Amino acid sequence: MHEMSLSLETVELVVESAKQGGFQRVSAVWIEIGALSCIEPEAIEFSYQIATRGTMAENSKLHIESLPGEAYCFGCQKNIVLNQRGEPCPCCGGFELKVMQGDELRVKEIEVL
């Protein structure tokens, strides 16, 4: 379950940012998860709650936003939407694709007190 290591890294980043700003507590975190990232939102939410224990982010609310998968198809030279990795181009059926968006995990916003 790589979501645990991702959650630990996210909490470390969030706590460090809050400390640098002189804040005492993190009350909420917004993250973006790409549709092609192979990250399960439910697993991230579960592991985030564990990763925050004993930190200034403990009991903070995690908000998860999904980003669509987008790719460029070299076959038909179009930008396309993908729902998951391994899908062919919905326009031409080709597999020569370059992912443009949707494989990331990003901290978008932190709410601190």
PDB file of N, CA and C in Angstrom:
ATOM      1  N   MET A   1       0.850  -1.178   0.000  1.00  0.00           N
ATOM      2  CA  MET A   1       0.000   0.000   0.000  1.00  0.00           C
ATOM      3  C   MET A   1       0.897   1.242   0.000  1.00  0.00           C
ATOM      4  N   HIS A   2       1.174   1.774  -1.185  1.00  0.00           N
ATOM      5  CA  HIS A   2       2.039   2.946  -1.287  1.00  0.00           C
ATOM      6  C   HIS A   2       1.351   4.217  -0.809  1.00  0.00           C
ATOM      7  N   GLU A   3       0.053   4.166  -0.597  1.00  0.00           N
ATOM      8  CA  GLU A   3      -0.666   5.330  -0.094  1.00  0.00           C
ATOM      9  C   GLU A   3      -0.168   5.760   1.284  1.00  0.00           C
ATOM     10  N   MET A   4       0.283   4.821   2.102  1.00  0.00           N
ATOM     11  CA  MET A   4       0.794   5.177   3.431  1.00  0.00           C
ATOM     12  C   MET A   4       2.049   6.033   3.307  1.00  0.00           C
ATOM     13  N   SER A   5       2.979   5.633   2.457  1.00  0.00           N
ATOM     14  CA  SER A   5       4.194   6.438   2.303  1.00  0.00           C
ATOM     15  C   SER A   5       3.865   7.801   1.692  1.00  0.00           C
ATOM     16  N   LEU A   6       2.899   7.848   0.780  1.00  0.00           N
ATOM     17  CA  LEU A   6       2.482   9.131   0.208  1.00  0.00           C
ATOM     18  C   LEU A   6       1.837  10.019   1.273  1.00  0.00           C
ATOM     19  N   SER A   7       1.039   9.414   2.140  1.00  0.00           N
ATOM     20  CA  SER A   7       0.408  10.176   3.227  1.00  0.00           C
ATOM     21  C   SER A   7       1.444  10.702   4.210  1.00  0.00           C
ATOM     22  N   LEU A   8       2.421   9.876   4.551  1.00  0.00           N
ATOM     23  CA  LEU A   8       3.483  10.308   5.464  1.00  0.00           C
ATOM     24  C   LEU A   8       4.253  11.491   4.883  1.00  0.00           C
ATOM     25  N   GLU A   9       4.575  11.424   3.592  1.00  0.00           N
ATOM     26  CA  GLU A   9       5.287  12.522   2.936  1.00  0.00           C
ATOM     27  C   GLU A   9       4.426  13.776   2.872  1.00  0.00           C
ATOM     28  N   THR A  10       3.141  13.604   2.607  1.00  0.00           N
ATOM     29  CA  THR A  10       2.223  14.745   2.546  1.00  0.00           C
ATOM     30  C   THR A  10       2.126  15.429   3.903  1.00  0.00           C
ATOM     31  N   VAL A  11       1.966  14.649   4.959  1.00  0.00           N
ATOM     32  CA  VAL A  11       1.873  15.215   6.309  1.00  0.00           C
ATOM     33  C   VAL A  11       3.171  15.923   6.674  1.00  0.00           C
ATOM     34  N   GLU A  12       4.294  15.338   6.336  1.00  0.00           N
ATOM     35  CA  GLU A  12       5.587  15.975   6.612  1.00  0.00           C
ATOM     36  C   GLU A  12       5.676  17.333   5.915  1.00  0.00           C
ATOM     37  N   LEU A  13       5.270  17.390   4.662  1.00  0.00           N
ATOM     38  CA  LEU A  13       5.289  18.638   3.899  1.00  0.00           C
ATOM     39  C   LEU A  13       4.352  19.680   4.509  1.00  0.00           C
ATOM     40  N   VAL A  14       3.153  19.260   4.857  1.00  0.00           N
ATOM     41  CA  VAL A  14       2.147  20.158   5.424  1.00  0.00           C
ATOM     42  C   VAL A  14       2.607  20.703   6.775  1.00  0.00           C
ATOM     43  N   VAL A  15       3.107  19.842   7.639  1.00  0.00           N
ATOM     44  CA  VAL A  15       3.565  20.259   8.968  1.00  0.00           C
ATOM     45  C   VAL A  15       4.750  21.214   8.845  1.00  0.00           C
ATOM     46  N   GLU A  16       5.689  20.902   7.971  1.00  0.00           N
ATOM     47  CA  GLU A  16       6.852  21.770   7.779  1.00  0.00           C
ATOM     48  C   GLU A  16       6.427  23.149   7.283  1.00  0.00           C
ATOM     49  N   SER A  17       5.490  23.192   6.347  1.00  0.00           N
ATOM     50  CA  SER A  17       4.990  24.476   5.834  1.00  0.00           C
ATOM     51  C   SER A  17       4.307  25.277   6.934  1.00  0.00           C
ATOM     52  N   ALA A  18       3.509  24.614   7.756  1.00  0.00           N
ATOM     53  CA  ALA A  18       2.820  25.297   8.855  1.00  0.00           C
ATOM     54  C   ALA A  18       3.814  25.837   9.877  1.00  0.00           C
ATOM     55  N   LYS A  19       4.830  25.046  10.209  1.00  0.00           N
ATOM     56  CA  LYS A  19       5.848  25.488  11.169  1.00  0.00           C
ATOM     57  C   LYS A  19       6.611  26.691  10.635  1.00  0.00           C
ATOM     58  N   GLN A  20       6.961  26.659   9.347  1.00  0.00           N
ATOM     59  CA  GLN A  20       7.688  27.780   8.752  1.00  0.00           C
ATOM     60  C   GLN A  20       6.880  29.067   8.805  1.00  0.00           C
ATOM     61  N   GLY A  21       5.558  28.930   8.742  1.00  0.00           N
ATOM     62  CA  GLY A  21       4.689  30.100   8.825  1.00  0.00           C
ATOM     63  C   GLY A  21       4.386  30.536  10.246  1.00  0.00           C
ATOM     64  N   GLY A  22       4.888  29.787  11.226  1.00  0.00           N
ATOM     65  CA  GLY A  22       4.674  30.142  12.619  1.00  0.00           C
ATOM     66  C   GLY A  22       3.308  29.738  13.166  1.00  0.00           C
ATOM     67  N   PHE A  23       2.665  28.787  12.521  1.00  0.00           N
ATOM     68  CA  PHE A  23       1.338  28.355  12.955  1.00  0.00           C
ATOM     69  C   PHE A  23       1.433  27.199  13.939  1.00  0.00           C
ATOM     70  N   GLN A  24       0.362  27.012  14.714  1.00  0.00           N
ATOM     71  CA  GLN A  24       0.334  25.995  15.764  1.00  0.00           C
ATOM     72  C   GLN A  24      -0.390  24.722  15.362  1.00  0.00           C
ATOM     73  N   ARG A  25      -1.315  24.847  14.402  1.00  0.00           N
ATOM     74  CA  ARG A  25      -2.154  23.702  14.077  1.00  0.00           C
ATOM     75  C   ARG A  25      -2.589  23.750  12.622  1.00  0.00           C
ATOM     76  N   VAL A  26      -2.698  22.576  12.027  1.00  0.00           N
ATOM     77  CA  VAL A  26      -3.258  22.426  10.679  1.00  0.00           C
ATOM     78  C   VAL A  26      -4.676  21.911  10.861  1.00  0.00           C
ATOM     79  N   SER A  27      -5.650  22.638  10.325  1.00  0.00           N
ATOM     80  CA  SER A  27      -7.049  22.227  10.504  1.00  0.00           C
ATOM     81  C   SER A  27      -7.634  21.543   9.274  1.00  0.00           C
ATOM     82  N   ALA A  28      -7.076  21.811   8.094  1.00  0.00           N
ATOM     83  CA  ALA A  28      -7.586  21.167   6.877  1.00  0.00           C
ATOM     84  C   ALA A  28      -6.518  21.177   5.794  1.00  0.00           C
ATOM     85  N   VAL A  29      -6.585  20.172   4.932  1.00  0.00           N
ATOM     86  CA  VAL A  29      -5.659  20.048   3.807  1.00  0.00           C
ATOM     87  C   VAL A  29      -6.466  19.650   2.578  1.00  0.00           C
ATOM     88  N   TRP A  30      -6.191  20.319   1.459  1.00  0.00           N
ATOM     89  CA  TRP A  30      -6.810  19.973   0.186  1.00  0.00           C
ATOM     90  C   TRP A  30      -5.731  19.389  -0.715  1.00  0.00           C
ATOM     91  N   ILE A  31      -6.002  18.205  -1.263  1.00  0.00           N
ATOM     92  CA  ILE A  31      -5.066  17.590  -2.204  1.00  0.00           C
ATOM     93  C   ILE A  31      -5.790  17.276  -3.509  1.00  0.00           C
ATOM     94  N   GLU A  32      -5.008  17.199  -4.575  1.00  0.00           N
ATOM     95  CA  GLU A  32      -5.519  16.797  -5.881  1.00  0.00           C
ATOM     96  C   GLU A  32      -4.881  15.468  -6.238  1.00  0.00           C
ATOM     97  N   ILE A  33      -5.707  14.533  -6.671  1.00  0.00           N
ATOM     98  CA  ILE A  33      -5.226  13.216  -7.082  1.00  0.00           C
ATOM     99  C   ILE A  33      -5.650  12.987  -8.525  1.00  0.00           C
ATOM    100  N   GLY A  34      -4.685  12.701  -9.378  1.00  0.00           N
ATOM    101  CA  GLY A  34      -4.980  12.448 -10.779  1.00  0.00           C
ATOM    102  C   GLY A  34      -5.599  11.078 -11.001  1.00  0.00           C
ATOM    103  N   ALA A  35      -6.483  11.001 -11.985  1.00  0.00           N
ATOM    104  CA  ALA A  35      -7.185   9.751 -12.304  1.00  0.00           C
ATOM    105  C   ALA A  35      -6.230   8.653 -12.769  1.00  0.00           C
ATOM    106  N   LEU A  36      -5.051   9.031 -13.254  1.00  0.00           N
ATOM    107  CA  LEU A  36      -4.084   8.056 -13.770  1.00  0.00           C
ATOM    108  C   LEU A  36      -2.954   7.779 -12.783  1.00  0.00           C
ATOM    109  N   SER A  37      -3.085   8.249 -11.558  1.00  0.00           N
ATOM    110  CA  SER A  37      -1.997   8.166 -10.580  1.00  0.00           C
ATOM    111  C   SER A  37      -1.871   6.815  -9.889  1.00  0.00           C
ATOM    112  N   CYS A  38      -2.843   5.942 -10.065  1.00  0.00           N
ATOM    113  CA  CYS A  38      -2.860   4.638  -9.379  1.00  0.00           C
ATOM    114  C   CYS A  38      -2.913   4.814  -7.861  1.00  0.00           C
ATOM    115  N   ILE A  39      -3.522   5.897  -7.407  1.00  0.00           N
ATOM    116  CA  ILE A  39      -3.696   6.171  -5.984  1.00  0.00           C
ATOM    117  C   ILE A  39      -5.176   6.030  -5.661  1.00  0.00           C
ATOM    118  N   GLU A  40      -5.473   5.233  -4.657  1.00  0.00           N
ATOM    119  CA  GLU A  40      -6.857   5.033  -4.228  1.00  0.00           C
ATOM    120  C   GLU A  40      -7.229   6.112  -3.205  1.00  0.00           C
ATOM    121  N   PRO A  41      -8.193   6.981  -3.526  1.00  0.00           N
ATOM    122  CA  PRO A  41      -8.575   8.045  -2.591  1.00  0.00           C
ATOM    123  C   PRO A  41      -8.970   7.535  -1.206  1.00  0.00           C
ATOM    124  N   GLU A  42      -9.672   6.411  -1.143  1.00  0.00           N
ATOM    125  CA  GLU A  42     -10.084   5.868   0.152  1.00  0.00           C
ATOM    126  C   GLU A  42      -8.872   5.448   0.982  1.00  0.00           C
ATOM    127  N   ALA A  43      -7.877   4.870   0.327  1.00  0.00           N
ATOM    128  CA  ALA A  43      -6.662   4.447   1.030  1.00  0.00           C
ATOM    129  C   ALA A  43      -5.859   5.656   1.506  1.00  0.00           C
ATOM    130  N   ILE A  44      -5.820   6.711   0.700  1.00  0.00           N
ATOM    131  CA  ILE A  44      -5.133   7.942   1.112  1.00  0.00           C
ATOM    132  C   ILE A  44      -5.829   8.539   2.331  1.00  0.00           C
ATOM    133  N   GLU A  45      -7.151   8.584   2.293  1.00  0.00           N
ATOM    134  CA  GLU A  45      -7.898   9.160   3.414  1.00  0.00           C
ATOM    135  C   GLU A  45      -7.643   8.381   4.703  1.00  0.00           C
ATOM    136  N   PHE A  46      -7.660   7.061   4.615  1.00  0.00           N
ATOM    137  CA  PHE A  46      -7.410   6.208   5.777  1.00  0.00           C
ATOM    138  C   PHE A  46      -5.986   6.396   6.297  1.00  0.00           C
ATOM    139  N   SER A  47      -5.010   6.327   5.407  1.00  0.00           N
ATOM    140  CA  SER A  47      -3.616   6.423   5.836  1.00  0.00           C
ATOM    141  C   SER A  47      -3.258   7.836   6.297  1.00  0.00           C
ATOM    142  N   TYR A  48      -3.933   8.845   5.767  1.00  0.00           N
ATOM    143  CA  TYR A  48      -3.698  10.224   6.208  1.00  0.00           C
ATOM    144  C   TYR A  48      -4.051  10.376   7.687  1.00  0.00           C
ATOM    145  N   GLN A  49      -5.172   9.792   8.090  1.00  0.00           N
ATOM    146  CA  GLN A  49      -5.591   9.883   9.492  1.00  0.00           C
ATOM    147  C   GLN A  49      -4.560   9.230  10.416  1.00  0.00           C
ATOM    148  N   ILE A  50      -3.961   8.149   9.971  1.00  0.00           N
ATOM    149  CA  ILE A  50      -2.912   7.490  10.755  1.00  0.00           C
ATOM    150  C   ILE A  50      -1.635   8.332  10.763  1.00  0.00           C
ATOM    151  N   ALA A  51      -1.263   8.867   9.600  1.00  0.00           N
ATOM    152  CA  ALA A  51      -0.022   9.633   9.466  1.00  0.00           C
ATOM    153  C   ALA A  51      -0.038  10.928  10.273  1.00  0.00           C
ATOM    154  N   THR A  52      -1.217  11.484  10.514  1.00  0.00           N
ATOM    155  CA  THR A  52      -1.285  12.752  11.250  1.00  0.00           C
ATOM    156  C   THR A  52      -1.236  12.579  12.763  1.00  0.00           C
ATOM    157  N   ARG A  53      -1.371  11.363  13.252  1.00  0.00           N
ATOM    158  CA  ARG A  53      -1.376  11.135  14.706  1.00  0.00           C
ATOM    159  C   ARG A  53      -0.102  11.666  15.357  1.00  0.00           C
ATOM    160  N   GLY A  54      -0.290  12.438  16.412  1.00  0.00           N
ATOM    161  CA  GLY A  54       0.846  12.983  17.142  1.00  0.00           C
ATOM    162  C   GLY A  54       1.500  14.178  16.478  1.00  0.00           C
ATOM    163  N   THR A  55       0.899  14.705  15.414  1.00  0.00           N
ATOM    164  CA  THR A  55       1.453  15.878  14.730  1.00  0.00           C
ATOM    165  C   THR A  55       0.491  17.049  14.885  1.00  0.00           C
ATOM    166  N   MET A  56       0.926  18.227  14.464  1.00  0.00           N
ATOM    167  CA  MET A  56       0.051  19.397  14.512  1.00  0.00           C
ATOM    168  C   MET A  56      -1.095  19.298  13.509  1.00  0.00           C
ATOM    169  N   ALA A  57      -1.072  18.281  12.660  1.00  0.00           N
ATOM    170  CA  ALA A  57      -2.153  18.066  11.690  1.00  0.00           C
ATOM    171  C   ALA A  57      -3.166  17.025  12.166  1.00  0.00           C
ATOM    172  N   GLU A  58      -2.962  16.500  13.384  1.00  0.00           N
ATOM    173  CA  GLU A  58      -3.890  15.496  13.907  1.00  0.00           C
ATOM    174  C   GLU A  58      -5.306  16.066  13.954  1.00  0.00           C
ATOM    175  N   ASN A  59      -6.269  15.267  13.543  1.00  0.00           N
ATOM    176  CA  ASN A  59      -7.692  15.635  13.471  1.00  0.00           C
ATOM    177  C   ASN A  59      -7.998  16.662  12.387  1.00  0.00           C
ATOM    178  N   SER A  60      -7.049  16.943  11.501  1.00  0.00           N
ATOM    179  CA  SER A  60      -7.340  17.850  10.392  1.00  0.00           C
ATOM    180  C   SER A  60      -8.215  17.135   9.366  1.00  0.00           C
ATOM    181  N   LYS A  61      -8.982  17.909   8.636  1.00  0.00           N
ATOM    182  CA  LYS A  61      -9.880  17.373   7.614  1.00  0.00           C
ATOM    183  C   LYS A  61      -9.133  17.309   6.288  1.00  0.00           C
ATOM    184  N   LEU A  62      -9.179  16.155   5.642  1.00  0.00           N
ATOM    185  CA  LEU A  62      -8.556  15.983   4.336  1.00  0.00           C
ATOM    186  C   LEU A  62      -9.631  16.092   3.264  1.00  0.00           C
ATOM    187  N   HIS A  63      -9.436  17.022   2.337  1.00  0.00           N
ATOM    188  CA  HIS A  63     -10.344  17.207   1.202  1.00  0.00           C
ATOM    189  C   HIS A  63      -9.624  16.697  -0.045  1.00  0.00           C
ATOM    190  N   ILE A  64     -10.269  15.805  -0.772  1.00  0.00           N
ATOM    191  CA  ILE A  64      -9.655  15.203  -1.956  1.00  0.00           C
ATOM    192  C   ILE A  64     -10.409  15.642  -3.203  1.00  0.00           C
ATOM    193  N   GLU A  65      -9.667  16.213  -4.149  1.00  0.00           N
ATOM    194  CA  GLU A  65     -10.229  16.604  -5.441  1.00  0.00           C
ATOM    195  C   GLU A  65      -9.614  15.713  -6.516  1.00  0.00           C
ATOM    196  N   SER A  66     -10.436  15.246  -7.429  1.00  0.00           N
ATOM    197  CA  SER A  66      -9.956  14.384  -8.513  1.00  0.00           C
ATOM    198  C   SER A  66      -9.641  15.219  -9.747  1.00  0.00           C
ATOM    199  N   LEU A  67      -8.517  14.898 -10.371  1.00  0.00           N
ATOM    200  CA  LEU A  67      -8.145  15.525 -11.632  1.00  0.00           C
ATOM    201  C   LEU A  67      -8.348  14.512 -12.752  1.00  0.00           C
ATOM    202  N   PRO A  68      -8.917  14.928 -13.871  1.00  0.00           N
ATOM    203  CA  PRO A  68      -9.107  13.987 -14.976  1.00  0.00           C
ATOM    204  C   PRO A  68      -7.771  13.619 -15.613  1.00  0.00           C
ATOM    205  N   GLY A  69      -7.757  12.465 -16.237  1.00  0.00           N
ATOM    206  CA  GLY A  69      -6.579  12.057 -16.988  1.00  0.00           C
ATOM    207  C   GLY A  69      -6.644  12.640 -18.390  1.00  0.00           C
ATOM    208  N   GLU A  70      -5.582  13.278 -18.801  1.00  0.00           N
ATOM    209  CA  GLU A  70      -5.509  13.850 -20.145  1.00  0.00           C
ATOM    210  C   GLU A  70      -4.234  13.371 -20.811  1.00  0.00           C
ATOM    211  N   ALA A  71      -4.342  13.089 -22.100  1.00  0.00           N
ATOM    212  CA  ALA A  71      -3.185  12.613 -22.856  1.00  0.00           C
ATOM    213  C   ALA A  71      -3.228  13.183 -24.269  1.00  0.00           C
ATOM    214  N   TYR A  72      -2.071  13.144 -24.913  1.00  0.00           N
ATOM    215  CA  TYR A  72      -1.974  13.510 -26.325  1.00  0.00           C
ATOM    216  C   TYR A  72      -1.793  12.226 -27.109  1.00  0.00           C
ATOM    217  N   CYS A  73      -2.615  12.043 -28.141  1.00  0.00           N
ATOM    218  CA  CYS A  73      -2.522  10.861 -28.994  1.00  0.00           C
ATOM    219  C   CYS A  73      -1.689  11.203 -30.223  1.00  0.00           C
ATOM    220  N   PHE A  74      -0.584  10.475 -30.401  1.00  0.00           N
ATOM    221  CA  PHE A  74       0.270  10.702 -31.561  1.00  0.00           C
ATOM    222  C   PHE A  74      -0.370  10.168 -32.836  1.00  0.00           C
ATOM    223  N   GLY A  75      -1.266   9.188 -32.695  1.00  0.00           N
ATOM    224  CA  GLY A  75      -1.934   8.602 -33.854  1.00  0.00           C
ATOM    225  C   GLY A  75      -2.864   9.567 -34.556  1.00  0.00           C
ATOM    226  N   CYS A  76      -3.750  10.190 -33.794  1.00  0.00           N
ATOM    227  CA  CYS A  76      -4.722  11.108 -34.406  1.00  0.00           C
ATOM    228  C   CYS A  76      -4.425  12.565 -34.079  1.00  0.00           C
ATOM    229  N   GLN A  77      -3.352  12.799 -33.348  1.00  0.00           N
ATOM    230  CA  GLN A  77      -2.869  14.139 -33.011  1.00  0.00           C
ATOM    231  C   GLN A  77      -3.931  14.984 -32.304  1.00  0.00           C
ATOM    232  N   LYS A  78      -4.567  14.359 -31.301  1.00  0.00           N
ATOM    233  CA  LYS A  78      -5.595  15.048 -30.522  1.00  0.00           C
ATOM    234  C   LYS A  78      -5.300  14.914 -29.033  1.00  0.00           C
ATOM    235  N   ASN A  79      -5.777  15.897 -28.277  1.00  0.00           N
ATOM    236  CA  ASN A  79      -5.779  15.789 -26.819  1.00  0.00           C
ATOM    237  C   ASN A  79      -7.032  15.025 -26.428  1.00  0.00           C
ATOM    238  N   ILE A  80      -6.870  14.025 -25.563  1.00  0.00           N
ATOM    239  CA  ILE A  80      -7.985  13.157 -25.197  1.00  0.00           C
ATOM    240  C   ILE A  80      -8.101  13.031 -23.683  1.00  0.00           C
ATOM    241  N   VAL A  81      -9.245  12.553 -23.228  1.00  0.00           N
ATOM    242  CA  VAL A  81      -9.478  12.284 -21.811  1.00  0.00           C
ATOM    243  C   VAL A  81      -9.374  10.782 -21.596  1.00  0.00           C
ATOM    244  N   LEU A  82      -8.616  10.385 -20.558  1.00  0.00           N
ATOM    245  CA  LEU A  82      -8.479   8.972 -20.193  1.00  0.00           C
ATOM    246  C   LEU A  82      -9.017   8.770 -18.786  1.00  0.00           C
ATOM    247  N   ASN A  83      -9.708   7.662 -18.581  1.00  0.00           N
ATOM    248  CA  ASN A  83     -10.226   7.341 -17.253  1.00  0.00           C
ATOM    249  C   ASN A  83      -9.260   6.492 -16.443  1.00  0.00           C
ATOM    250  N   GLN A  84      -8.407   5.726 -17.129  1.00  0.00           N
ATOM    251  CA  GLN A  84      -7.431   4.888 -16.435  1.00  0.00           C
ATOM    252  C   GLN A  84      -6.272   4.573 -17.371  1.00  0.00           C
ATOM    253  N   ARG A  85      -5.160   4.175 -16.774  1.00  0.00           N
ATOM    254  CA  ARG A  85      -3.983   3.797 -17.571  1.00  0.00           C
ATOM    255  C   ARG A  85      -4.288   2.558 -18.397  1.00  0.00           C
ATOM    256  N   GLY A  86      -3.677   2.481 -19.557  1.00  0.00           N
ATOM    257  CA  GLY A  86      -3.837   1.311 -20.412  1.00  0.00           C
ATOM    258  C   GLY A  86      -4.996   1.401 -21.384  1.00  0.00           C
ATOM    259  N   GLU A  87      -5.796   2.449 -21.277  1.00  0.00           N
ATOM    260  CA  GLU A  87      -6.908   2.634 -22.210  1.00  0.00           C
ATOM    261  C   GLU A  87      -6.381   3.115 -23.555  1.00  0.00           C
ATOM    262  N   PRO A  88      -7.018   2.691 -24.639  1.00  0.00           N
ATOM    263  CA  PRO A  88      -6.641   3.224 -25.951  1.00  0.00           C
ATOM    264  C   PRO A  88      -7.272   4.599 -26.168  1.00  0.00           C
ATOM    265  N   CYS A  89      -6.829   5.278 -27.184  1.00  0.00           N
ATOM    266  CA  CYS A  89      -7.421   6.553 -27.573  1.00  0.00           C
ATOM    267  C   CYS A  89      -8.884   6.312 -27.954  1.00  0.00           C
ATOM    268  N   PRO A  90      -9.810   7.077 -27.394  1.00  0.00           N
ATOM    269  CA  PRO A  90     -11.219   6.885 -27.735  1.00  0.00           C
ATOM    270  C   PRO A  90     -11.554   7.324 -29.162  1.00  0.00           C
ATOM    271  N   CYS A  91     -10.655   8.069 -29.794  1.00  0.00           N
ATOM    272  CA  CYS A  91     -10.912   8.550 -31.159  1.00  0.00           C
ATOM    273  C   CYS A  91     -10.423   7.572 -32.226  1.00  0.00           C
ATOM    274  N   CYS A  92      -9.179   7.062 -32.053  1.00  0.00           N
ATOM    275  CA  CYS A  92      -8.602   6.216 -33.105  1.00  0.00           C
ATOM    276  C   CYS A  92      -8.262   4.806 -32.634  1.00  0.00           C
ATOM    277  N   GLY A  93      -8.350   4.550 -31.332  1.00  0.00           N
ATOM    278  CA  GLY A  93      -8.029   3.226 -30.800  1.00  0.00           C
ATOM    279  C   GLY A  93      -6.545   2.987 -30.600  1.00  0.00           C
ATOM    280  N   GLY A  94      -5.730   4.002 -30.860  1.00  0.00           N
ATOM    281  CA  GLY A  94      -4.285   3.862 -30.734  1.00  0.00           C
ATOM    282  C   GLY A  94      -3.803   3.897 -29.290  1.00  0.00           C
ATOM    283  N   PHE A  95      -2.575   3.387 -29.108  1.00  0.00           N
ATOM    284  CA  PHE A  95      -1.970   3.349 -27.771  1.00  0.00           C
ATOM    285  C   PHE A  95      -0.730   4.235 -27.662  1.00  0.00           C
ATOM    286  N   GLU A  96      -0.421   4.985 -28.708  1.00  0.00           N
ATOM    287  CA  GLU A  96       0.732   5.886 -28.665  1.00  0.00           C
ATOM    288  C   GLU A  96       0.288   7.188 -28.009  1.00  0.00           C
ATOM    289  N   LEU A  97       0.328   7.195 -26.682  1.00  0.00           N
ATOM    290  CA  LEU A  97      -0.194   8.310 -25.909  1.00  0.00           C
ATOM    291  C   LEU A  97       0.867   8.883 -24.985  1.00  0.00           C
ATOM    292  N   LYS A  98       0.813  10.182 -24.807  1.00  0.00           N
ATOM    293  CA  LYS A  98       1.676  10.848 -23.825  1.00  0.00           C
ATOM    294  C   LYS A  98       0.761  11.494 -22.789  1.00  0.00           C
ATOM    295  N   VAL A  99       0.898  11.067 -21.540  1.00  0.00           N
ATOM    296  CA  VAL A  99       0.078  11.614 -20.458  1.00  0.00           C
ATOM    297  C   VAL A  99       0.478  13.069 -20.220  1.00  0.00           C
ATOM    298  N   MET A 100      -0.519  13.938 -20.221  1.00  0.00           N
ATOM    299  CA  MET A 100      -0.290  15.366 -19.999  1.00  0.00           C
ATOM    300  C   MET A 100      -0.715  15.785 -18.591  1.00  0.00           C
ATOM    301  N   GLN A 101      -1.740  15.126 -18.070  1.00  0.00           N
ATOM    302  CA  GLN A 101      -2.251  15.436 -16.731  1.00  0.00           C
ATOM    303  C   GLN A 101      -2.966  14.209 -16.192  1.00  0.00           C
ATOM    304  N   GLY A 102      -2.933  14.080 -14.874  1.00  0.00           N
ATOM    305  CA  GLY A 102      -3.708  13.022 -14.246  1.00  0.00           C
ATOM    306  C   GLY A 102      -2.879  11.991 -13.515  1.00  0.00           C
ATOM    307  N   ASP A 103      -1.546  12.137 -13.521  1.00  0.00           N
ATOM    308  CA  ASP A 103      -0.707  11.164 -12.815  1.00  0.00           C
ATOM    309  C   ASP A 103      -0.072  11.758 -11.557  1.00  0.00           C
ATOM    310  N   GLU A 104      -0.634  12.875 -11.084  1.00  0.00           N
ATOM    311  CA  GLU A 104      -0.017  13.576  -9.966  1.00  0.00           C
ATOM    312  C   GLU A 104      -0.800  13.460  -8.663  1.00  0.00           C
ATOM    313  N   LEU A 105      -0.094  13.753  -7.598  1.00  0.00           N
ATOM    314  CA  LEU A 105      -0.669  13.970  -6.264  1.00  0.00           C
ATOM    315  C   LEU A 105      -0.079  15.296  -5.813  1.00  0.00           C
ATOM    316  N   ARG A 106      -0.939  16.253  -5.522  1.00  0.00           N
ATOM    317  CA  ARG A 106      -0.462  17.599  -5.226  1.00  0.00           C
ATOM    318  C   ARG A 106      -1.218  18.175  -4.030  1.00  0.00           C
ATOM    319  N   VAL A 107      -0.481  18.822  -3.130  1.00  0.00           N
ATOM    320  CA  VAL A 107      -1.113  19.571  -2.045  1.00  0.00           C
ATOM    321  C   VAL A 107      -1.526  20.910  -2.641  1.00  0.00           C
ATOM    322  N   LYS A 108      -2.818  21.166  -2.605  1.00  0.00           N
ATOM    323  CA  LYS A 108      -3.356  22.383  -3.214  1.00  0.00           C
ATOM    324  C   LYS A 108      -3.468  23.526  -2.209  1.00  0.00           C
ATOM    325  N   GLU A 109      -3.905  23.197  -0.987  1.00  0.00           N
ATOM    326  CA  GLU A 109      -4.159  24.243   0.003  1.00  0.00           C
ATOM    327  C   GLU A 109      -4.044  23.670   1.413  1.00  0.00           C
ATOM    328  N   ILE A 110      -3.620  24.524   2.340  1.00  0.00           N
ATOM    329  CA  ILE A 110      -3.514  24.144   3.750  1.00  0.00           C
ATOM    330  C   ILE A 110      -4.232  25.207   4.574  1.00  0.00           C
ATOM    331  N   GLU A 111      -5.092  24.769   5.482  1.00  0.00           N
ATOM    332  CA  GLU A 111      -5.760  25.689   6.409  1.00  0.00           C
ATOM    333  C   GLU A 111      -5.096  25.536   7.772  1.00  0.00           C
ATOM    334  N   VAL A 112      -4.604  26.646   8.310  1.00  0.00           N
ATOM    335  CA  VAL A 112      -3.852  26.609   9.568  1.00  0.00           C
ATOM    336  C   VAL A 112      -4.465  27.553  10.590  1.00  0.00           C
ATOM    337  N   LEU A 113      -4.128  27.299  11.848  1.00  0.00           N
ATOM    338  CA  LEU A 113      -4.584  28.156  12.955  1.00  0.00           C
ATOM    339  C   LEU A 113      -3.383  28.644  13.741  1.00  0.00           C
TER     340      LEU A 113
END
